[in-house]
Amino acid sequence: MELLEAYRSLWSNRSLPVGENEAEHVLLDAIQRDLLDEMTHPRLRKSPYEKFSLAVKRIATSSLDAKQQYELVRLYVQQLENLPSR
């Protein structure tokens, strides 16, 4: 739940409703949607690698503590590796 709150602090305009024991699933799903740029019009979407780079920059320049930054970047890497090949 702590990482989900850290993610919400970076992307405050995203509504991420979560039930009990669903925080990790909601966070991983939000990261995957971010990497796939699903919240952008299809003609304006960036590649997952561009979105990854932007997310890492945003995380690195945030006021989150180093452990939270590391864990969020680790989850982004994990989700990027798990994306289906296009």
N, C-alpha and C. Protein backbone atom coordinates (compact mmCIF):
# COMPACT_ATOMS: atom_id res chain seq x y z
N MET A 1 0.83 -1.20 0.00
CA MET A 1 0.00 0.00 0.00
C MET A 1 0.87 1.26 0.00
N GLU A 2 2.05 1.15 0.63
CA GLU A 2 2.95 2.29 0.71
C GLU A 2 3.43 2.72 -0.68
N LEU A 3 3.75 1.75 -1.54
CA LEU A 3 4.20 2.09 -2.89
C LEU A 3 3.07 2.68 -3.73
N LEU A 4 1.87 2.20 -3.52
CA LEU A 4 0.73 2.76 -4.25
C LEU A 4 0.54 4.23 -3.86
N GLU A 5 0.71 4.54 -2.61
CA GLU A 5 0.60 5.93 -2.17
C GLU A 5 1.72 6.77 -2.77
N ALA A 6 2.92 6.21 -2.87
CA ALA A 6 4.04 6.93 -3.49
C ALA A 6 3.73 7.18 -4.96
N TYR A 7 3.19 6.18 -5.65
CA TYR A 7 2.81 6.33 -7.06
C TYR A 7 1.75 7.42 -7.21
N ARG A 8 0.76 7.39 -6.33
CA ARG A 8 -0.29 8.41 -6.37
C ARG A 8 0.26 9.81 -6.16
N SER A 9 1.28 9.92 -5.33
CA SER A 9 1.86 11.24 -5.08
C SER A 9 2.56 11.80 -6.32
N LEU A 10 3.05 10.92 -7.19
CA LEU A 10 3.72 11.36 -8.41
C LEU A 10 2.73 11.64 -9.53
N TRP A 11 1.67 10.85 -9.60
CA TRP A 11 0.66 11.00 -10.64
C TRP A 11 -0.68 11.25 -9.94
N SER A 12 -0.81 12.45 -9.40
CA SER A 12 -1.96 12.78 -8.56
C SER A 12 -3.28 12.86 -9.31
N ASN A 13 -3.24 12.99 -10.62
CA ASN A 13 -4.48 13.12 -11.38
C ASN A 13 -5.10 11.77 -11.73
N ARG A 14 -4.50 10.68 -11.26
CA ARG A 14 -5.01 9.35 -11.58
C ARG A 14 -5.82 8.78 -10.44
N SER A 15 -7.01 8.38 -10.75
CA SER A 15 -7.88 7.76 -9.77
C SER A 15 -7.55 6.27 -9.73
N LEU A 16 -7.12 5.80 -8.59
CA LEU A 16 -6.76 4.40 -8.44
C LEU A 16 -7.51 3.80 -7.26
N PRO A 17 -8.79 3.48 -7.48
CA PRO A 17 -9.55 2.88 -6.39
C PRO A 17 -8.98 1.52 -6.04
N VAL A 18 -8.90 1.25 -4.76
CA VAL A 18 -8.32 -0.02 -4.32
C VAL A 18 -9.13 -0.60 -3.17
N GLY A 19 -9.35 -1.89 -3.28
CA GLY A 19 -10.02 -2.60 -2.20
C GLY A 19 -8.98 -3.22 -1.29
N GLU A 20 -9.45 -3.92 -0.31
CA GLU A 20 -8.56 -4.57 0.64
C GLU A 20 -7.73 -5.63 -0.08
N ASN A 21 -6.44 -5.67 0.18
CA ASN A 21 -5.50 -6.64 -0.40
C ASN A 21 -5.37 -6.56 -1.91
N GLU A 22 -5.67 -5.43 -2.52
CA GLU A 22 -5.56 -5.27 -3.97
C GLU A 22 -4.51 -4.24 -4.37
N ALA A 23 -3.82 -3.65 -3.43
CA ALA A 23 -2.91 -2.53 -3.72
C ALA A 23 -1.84 -2.91 -4.73
N GLU A 24 -1.21 -4.06 -4.56
CA GLU A 24 -0.14 -4.43 -5.48
C GLU A 24 -0.67 -4.64 -6.90
N HIS A 25 -1.80 -5.30 -7.03
CA HIS A 25 -2.39 -5.52 -8.36
C HIS A 25 -2.76 -4.19 -9.02
N VAL A 26 -3.35 -3.29 -8.26
CA VAL A 26 -3.74 -1.98 -8.79
C VAL A 26 -2.50 -1.21 -9.24
N LEU A 27 -1.44 -1.25 -8.44
CA LEU A 27 -0.21 -0.54 -8.79
C LEU A 27 0.42 -1.12 -10.06
N LEU A 28 0.52 -2.43 -10.16
CA LEU A 28 1.12 -3.05 -11.34
C LEU A 28 0.29 -2.76 -12.59
N ASP A 29 -1.02 -2.77 -12.44
CA ASP A 29 -1.90 -2.46 -13.57
C ASP A 29 -1.73 -1.00 -14.00
N ALA A 30 -1.61 -0.10 -13.04
CA ALA A 30 -1.42 1.32 -13.36
C ALA A 30 -0.09 1.55 -14.07
N ILE A 31 0.95 0.86 -13.64
CA ILE A 31 2.26 0.99 -14.28
C ILE A 31 2.19 0.46 -15.71
N GLN A 32 1.53 -0.67 -15.89
CA GLN A 32 1.42 -1.23 -17.24
C GLN A 32 0.64 -0.29 -18.16
N ARG A 33 -0.47 0.27 -17.67
CA ARG A 33 -1.23 1.23 -18.47
C ARG A 33 -0.40 2.46 -18.80
N ASP A 34 0.43 2.89 -17.85
CA ASP A 34 1.30 4.03 -18.10
C ASP A 34 2.32 3.71 -19.19
N LEU A 35 2.93 2.55 -19.12
CA LEU A 35 3.93 2.16 -20.13
C LEU A 35 3.30 2.02 -21.52
N LEU A 36 2.07 1.56 -21.56
CA LEU A 36 1.38 1.42 -22.85
C LEU A 36 0.73 2.73 -23.29
N ASP A 37 0.83 3.76 -22.45
CA ASP A 37 0.31 5.10 -22.74
C ASP A 37 -1.18 5.06 -23.07
N GLU A 38 -1.92 4.25 -22.33
CA GLU A 38 -3.34 4.05 -22.62
C GLU A 38 -4.21 5.26 -22.30
N MET A 39 -3.69 6.22 -21.58
CA MET A 39 -4.49 7.40 -21.24
C MET A 39 -4.33 8.51 -22.26
N THR A 40 -3.63 8.22 -23.35
CA THR A 40 -3.38 9.20 -24.40
C THR A 40 -4.09 8.76 -25.67
N HIS A 41 -4.50 9.72 -26.47
CA HIS A 41 -5.13 9.40 -27.75
C HIS A 41 -4.18 8.53 -28.57
N PRO A 42 -4.70 7.51 -29.27
CA PRO A 42 -3.83 6.57 -30.00
C PRO A 42 -2.82 7.21 -30.95
N ARG A 43 -3.18 8.29 -31.60
CA ARG A 43 -2.24 8.92 -32.53
C ARG A 43 -1.10 9.65 -31.83
N LEU A 44 -1.27 9.94 -30.55
CA LEU A 44 -0.26 10.70 -29.81
C LEU A 44 0.56 9.84 -28.85
N ARG A 45 0.30 8.55 -28.82
CA ARG A 45 0.98 7.67 -27.86
C ARG A 45 2.47 7.56 -28.13
N LYS A 46 3.20 7.45 -27.02
CA LYS A 46 4.64 7.25 -27.07
C LYS A 46 4.93 5.76 -26.91
N SER A 47 6.13 5.35 -27.26
CA SER A 47 6.52 3.95 -27.10
C SER A 47 6.69 3.63 -25.61
N PRO A 48 6.59 2.36 -25.26
CA PRO A 48 6.82 1.99 -23.85
C PRO A 48 8.19 2.43 -23.34
N TYR A 49 9.20 2.42 -24.19
CA TYR A 49 10.54 2.84 -23.76
C TYR A 49 10.60 4.34 -23.48
N GLU A 50 9.90 5.12 -24.28
CA GLU A 50 9.83 6.56 -24.01
C GLU A 50 9.09 6.82 -22.70
N LYS A 51 7.98 6.11 -22.50
CA LYS A 51 7.20 6.28 -21.26
C LYS A 51 8.02 5.83 -20.05
N PHE A 52 8.80 4.76 -20.21
CA PHE A 52 9.66 4.28 -19.13
C PHE A 52 10.67 5.36 -18.76
N SER A 53 11.30 5.94 -19.77
CA SER A 53 12.30 6.97 -19.53
C SER A 53 11.69 8.17 -18.81
N LEU A 54 10.53 8.59 -19.24
CA LEU A 54 9.85 9.72 -18.59
C LEU A 54 9.48 9.40 -17.14
N ALA A 55 9.02 8.17 -16.91
CA ALA A 55 8.64 7.77 -15.56
C ALA A 55 9.85 7.73 -14.63
N VAL A 56 10.96 7.18 -15.12
CA VAL A 56 12.17 7.11 -14.30
C VAL A 56 12.67 8.51 -13.95
N LYS A 57 12.63 9.42 -14.91
CA LYS A 57 13.03 10.81 -14.63
C LYS A 57 12.13 11.43 -13.58
N ARG A 58 10.84 11.20 -13.70
CA ARG A 58 9.88 11.77 -12.74
C ARG A 58 10.11 11.19 -11.34
N ILE A 59 10.36 9.89 -11.27
CA ILE A 59 10.61 9.24 -9.99
C ILE A 59 11.92 9.75 -9.38
N ALA A 60 12.97 9.84 -10.20
CA ALA A 60 14.29 10.25 -9.71
C ALA A 60 14.30 11.68 -9.20
N THR A 61 13.50 12.54 -9.78
CA THR A 61 13.49 13.94 -9.35
C THR A 61 12.43 14.23 -8.28
N SER A 62 11.74 13.20 -7.84
CA SER A 62 10.69 13.38 -6.84
C SER A 62 11.27 13.51 -5.44
N SER A 63 10.41 13.83 -4.51
CA SER A 63 10.82 13.95 -3.12
C SER A 63 10.65 12.64 -2.35
N LEU A 64 10.36 11.56 -3.06
CA LEU A 64 10.24 10.26 -2.40
C LEU A 64 11.58 9.83 -1.84
N ASP A 65 11.56 9.00 -0.80
CA ASP A 65 12.83 8.53 -0.27
C ASP A 65 13.45 7.51 -1.24
N ALA A 66 14.73 7.27 -1.08
CA ALA A 66 15.49 6.43 -2.02
C ALA A 66 14.91 5.02 -2.15
N LYS A 67 14.43 4.46 -1.08
CA LYS A 67 13.87 3.10 -1.13
C LYS A 67 12.61 3.07 -1.99
N GLN A 68 11.73 4.05 -1.80
CA GLN A 68 10.51 4.11 -2.61
C GLN A 68 10.85 4.34 -4.08
N GLN A 69 11.81 5.20 -4.35
CA GLN A 69 12.23 5.44 -5.73
C GLN A 69 12.74 4.15 -6.35
N TYR A 70 13.60 3.44 -5.63
CA TYR A 70 14.16 2.19 -6.14
C TYR A 70 13.05 1.18 -6.43
N GLU A 71 12.14 1.02 -5.50
CA GLU A 71 11.07 0.03 -5.66
C GLU A 71 10.16 0.38 -6.83
N LEU A 72 9.83 1.65 -7.01
CA LEU A 72 8.99 2.04 -8.15
C LEU A 72 9.71 1.80 -9.47
N VAL A 73 10.99 2.15 -9.55
CA VAL A 73 11.75 1.91 -10.78
C VAL A 73 11.83 0.41 -11.03
N ARG A 74 12.05 -0.38 -9.98
CA ARG A 74 12.11 -1.84 -10.13
C ARG A 74 10.81 -2.39 -10.69
N LEU A 75 9.68 -1.89 -10.22
CA LEU A 75 8.39 -2.33 -10.73
C LEU A 75 8.20 -1.91 -12.18
N TYR A 76 8.66 -0.71 -12.53
CA TYR A 76 8.58 -0.27 -13.93
C TYR A 76 9.41 -1.18 -14.82
N VAL A 77 10.61 -1.53 -14.39
CA VAL A 77 11.46 -2.44 -15.17
C VAL A 77 10.77 -3.79 -15.33
N GLN A 78 10.24 -4.30 -14.25
CA GLN A 78 9.55 -5.59 -14.27
C GLN A 78 8.37 -5.56 -15.25
N GLN A 79 7.57 -4.53 -15.18
CA GLN A 79 6.41 -4.44 -16.08
C GLN A 79 6.84 -4.22 -17.52
N LEU A 80 7.89 -3.46 -17.76
CA LEU A 80 8.40 -3.24 -19.12
C LEU A 80 8.86 -4.57 -19.72
N GLU A 81 9.54 -5.37 -18.92
CA GLU A 81 10.01 -6.69 -19.40
C GLU A 81 8.86 -7.64 -19.67
N ASN A 82 7.74 -7.45 -18.98
CA ASN A 82 6.59 -8.35 -19.14
C ASN A 82 5.62 -7.93 -20.23
N LEU A 83 5.87 -6.78 -20.86
CA LEU A 83 4.97 -6.34 -21.93
C LEU A 83 5.09 -7.28 -23.11
N PRO A 84 3.98 -7.57 -23.77
CA PRO A 84 4.05 -8.42 -24.95
C PRO A 84 4.82 -7.73 -26.08
N SER A 85 5.55 -8.51 -26.84
CA SER A 85 6.30 -7.96 -27.97
C SER A 85 5.34 -7.46 -29.02
N ARG A 86 5.71 -6.36 -29.64
CA ARG A 86 4.83 -5.79 -30.67
C ARG A 86 5.51 -5.85 -32.00
